[in-house]
Amino acid sequence: MKPSQPSFIDAAKAEDLDSLLDHIAWADTVRPALLRTRDALTQQLVDSTLGLPVQTKTLTGTIEITREQLAGKIYGINYIMTLFEKLLSKGEVAAKQLKELGINIS
């Protein structure tokens, strides 16, 4: 298959993922929460880099979080958001191309 041709698989994955993300309220709830958490972690990373201790409460008490742990959490959030958005955009392009050909998979 040529790269410019639509993919039924990509379109189907996007349709399934879009339904799933709608079900879990990706755009209204999950994505904004991930962005808020990432922003808070980024601020904590800046504070930590400037020498301020970053602590969090756990079930076993308060612990200090390292810069590496903060960076890892930020990386994880970015990875998940990028993965979901990449799948959605790839599938949206494929679905649009299929629709232009008169094919609707939903």
Protein backbone atom coordinates (compact mmCIF):
# COMPACT_ATOMS: atom_id res chain seq x y z
CA MET A 1 0.00 0.00 0.00
CA LYS A 2 1.32 3.45 -0.86
CA PRO A 3 1.74 5.84 2.08
CA SER A 4 -0.78 8.29 0.60
CA GLN A 5 -3.53 5.66 0.39
CA PRO A 6 -6.05 5.45 3.23
CA SER A 7 -5.75 2.56 5.61
CA PHE A 8 -8.88 0.74 6.75
CA ILE A 9 -6.95 -0.47 9.79
CA ASP A 10 -5.84 3.05 10.78
CA ALA A 11 -9.35 4.36 10.30
CA ALA A 12 -10.87 1.50 12.30
CA LYS A 13 -8.34 1.98 15.10
CA ALA A 14 -9.13 5.68 15.19
CA GLU A 15 -12.87 4.98 15.28
CA ASP A 16 -12.41 2.53 18.16
CA LEU A 17 -10.00 4.81 19.99
CA ASP A 18 -12.23 7.82 19.46
CA SER A 19 -15.19 5.91 20.92
CA LEU A 20 -13.08 4.77 23.86
CA LEU A 21 -11.71 8.25 24.48
CA ASP A 22 -15.19 9.74 24.30
CA HIS A 23 -16.30 7.10 26.78
CA ILE A 24 -13.58 8.03 29.26
CA ALA A 25 -14.03 11.76 28.51
CA TRP A 26 -10.54 12.28 27.04
CA ALA A 27 -11.06 15.81 25.72
CA ASP A 28 -13.16 17.11 28.62
CA THR A 29 -11.60 15.38 31.60
CA VAL A 30 -8.53 13.18 31.11
CA ARG A 31 -6.43 15.37 28.78
CA PRO A 32 -6.97 18.56 30.85
CA ALA A 33 -6.12 16.64 34.05
CA LEU A 34 -2.93 15.31 32.45
CA LEU A 35 -1.98 18.82 31.33
CA ARG A 36 -2.60 20.25 34.83
CA THR A 37 -0.54 17.47 36.40
CA ARG A 38 2.27 17.95 33.87
CA ASP A 39 2.32 21.70 34.55
CA ALA A 40 2.46 21.12 38.31
CA LEU A 41 5.26 18.56 37.90
CA THR A 42 7.16 20.94 35.62
CA GLN A 43 6.94 23.65 38.28
CA GLN A 44 8.16 21.18 40.90
CA LEU A 45 11.04 20.24 38.60
CA VAL A 46 12.01 23.91 38.31
CA ASP A 47 11.80 24.29 42.10
CA SER A 48 13.92 21.18 42.58
CA THR A 49 16.51 22.41 40.09
CA LEU A 50 16.70 25.66 42.05
CA GLY A 51 17.43 23.69 45.20
CA LEU A 52 14.02 23.61 46.84
CA PRO A 53 13.02 20.21 48.24
CA VAL A 54 10.03 18.65 46.55
CA GLN A 55 8.01 16.42 48.82
CA THR A 56 4.84 14.40 48.51
CA LYS A 57 2.70 12.58 51.00
CA THR A 58 2.31 8.83 50.70
CA LEU A 59 0.61 6.20 52.82
CA THR A 60 3.89 5.66 54.65
CA GLY A 61 4.61 9.36 55.23
CA THR A 62 6.20 12.27 53.42
CA ILE A 63 8.97 11.50 50.95
CA GLU A 64 11.25 13.66 48.86
CA ILE A 65 11.00 13.36 45.07
CA THR A 66 14.16 13.59 42.97
CA ARG A 67 14.55 15.60 39.78
CA GLU A 68 14.91 12.33 37.90
CA GLN A 69 11.60 11.06 39.27
CA LEU A 70 9.87 14.32 38.34
CA ALA A 71 11.37 14.24 34.84
CA GLY A 72 10.27 10.61 34.47
CA LYS A 73 6.70 11.46 35.42
CA ILE A 74 6.64 14.36 32.96
CA TYR A 75 8.09 12.11 30.26
CA GLY A 76 5.42 9.49 30.95
CA ILE A 77 2.59 11.99 30.65
CA ASN A 78 4.05 13.38 27.42
CA TYR A 79 4.47 9.87 26.02
CA ILE A 80 0.87 8.87 26.72
CA MET A 81 -0.57 12.11 25.35
CA THR A 82 1.57 11.90 22.22
CA LEU A 83 0.64 8.25 21.67
CA PHE A 84 -3.09 8.87 21.95
CA GLU A 85 -3.01 12.01 19.82
CA LYS A 86 -0.83 10.35 17.16
CA LEU A 87 -3.23 7.42 16.89
CA LEU A 88 -6.19 9.77 16.67
CA SER A 89 -4.67 12.04 14.04
CA LYS A 90 -3.39 9.15 11.91
CA GLY A 91 -6.79 7.53 12.00
CA GLU A 92 -8.62 10.80 11.34
CA VAL A 93 -6.57 11.33 8.18
CA ALA A 94 -7.29 7.78 7.03
CA ALA A 95 -11.01 8.10 7.83
CA LYS A 96 -11.17 11.40 5.93
CA GLN A 97 -9.48 9.86 2.91
CA LEU A 98 -11.86 6.90 2.99
CA LYS A 99 -14.85 9.23 3.31
CA GLU A 100 -13.68 11.13 0.24
CA LEU A 101 -13.74 7.79 -1.57
CA GLY A 102 -17.31 7.24 -0.37
CA ILE A 103 -16.38 4.69 2.30
CA ASN A 104 -17.64 5.12 5.85
CA ILE A 105 -16.55 2.58 8.47
CA SER A 106 -18.64 3.78 11.40
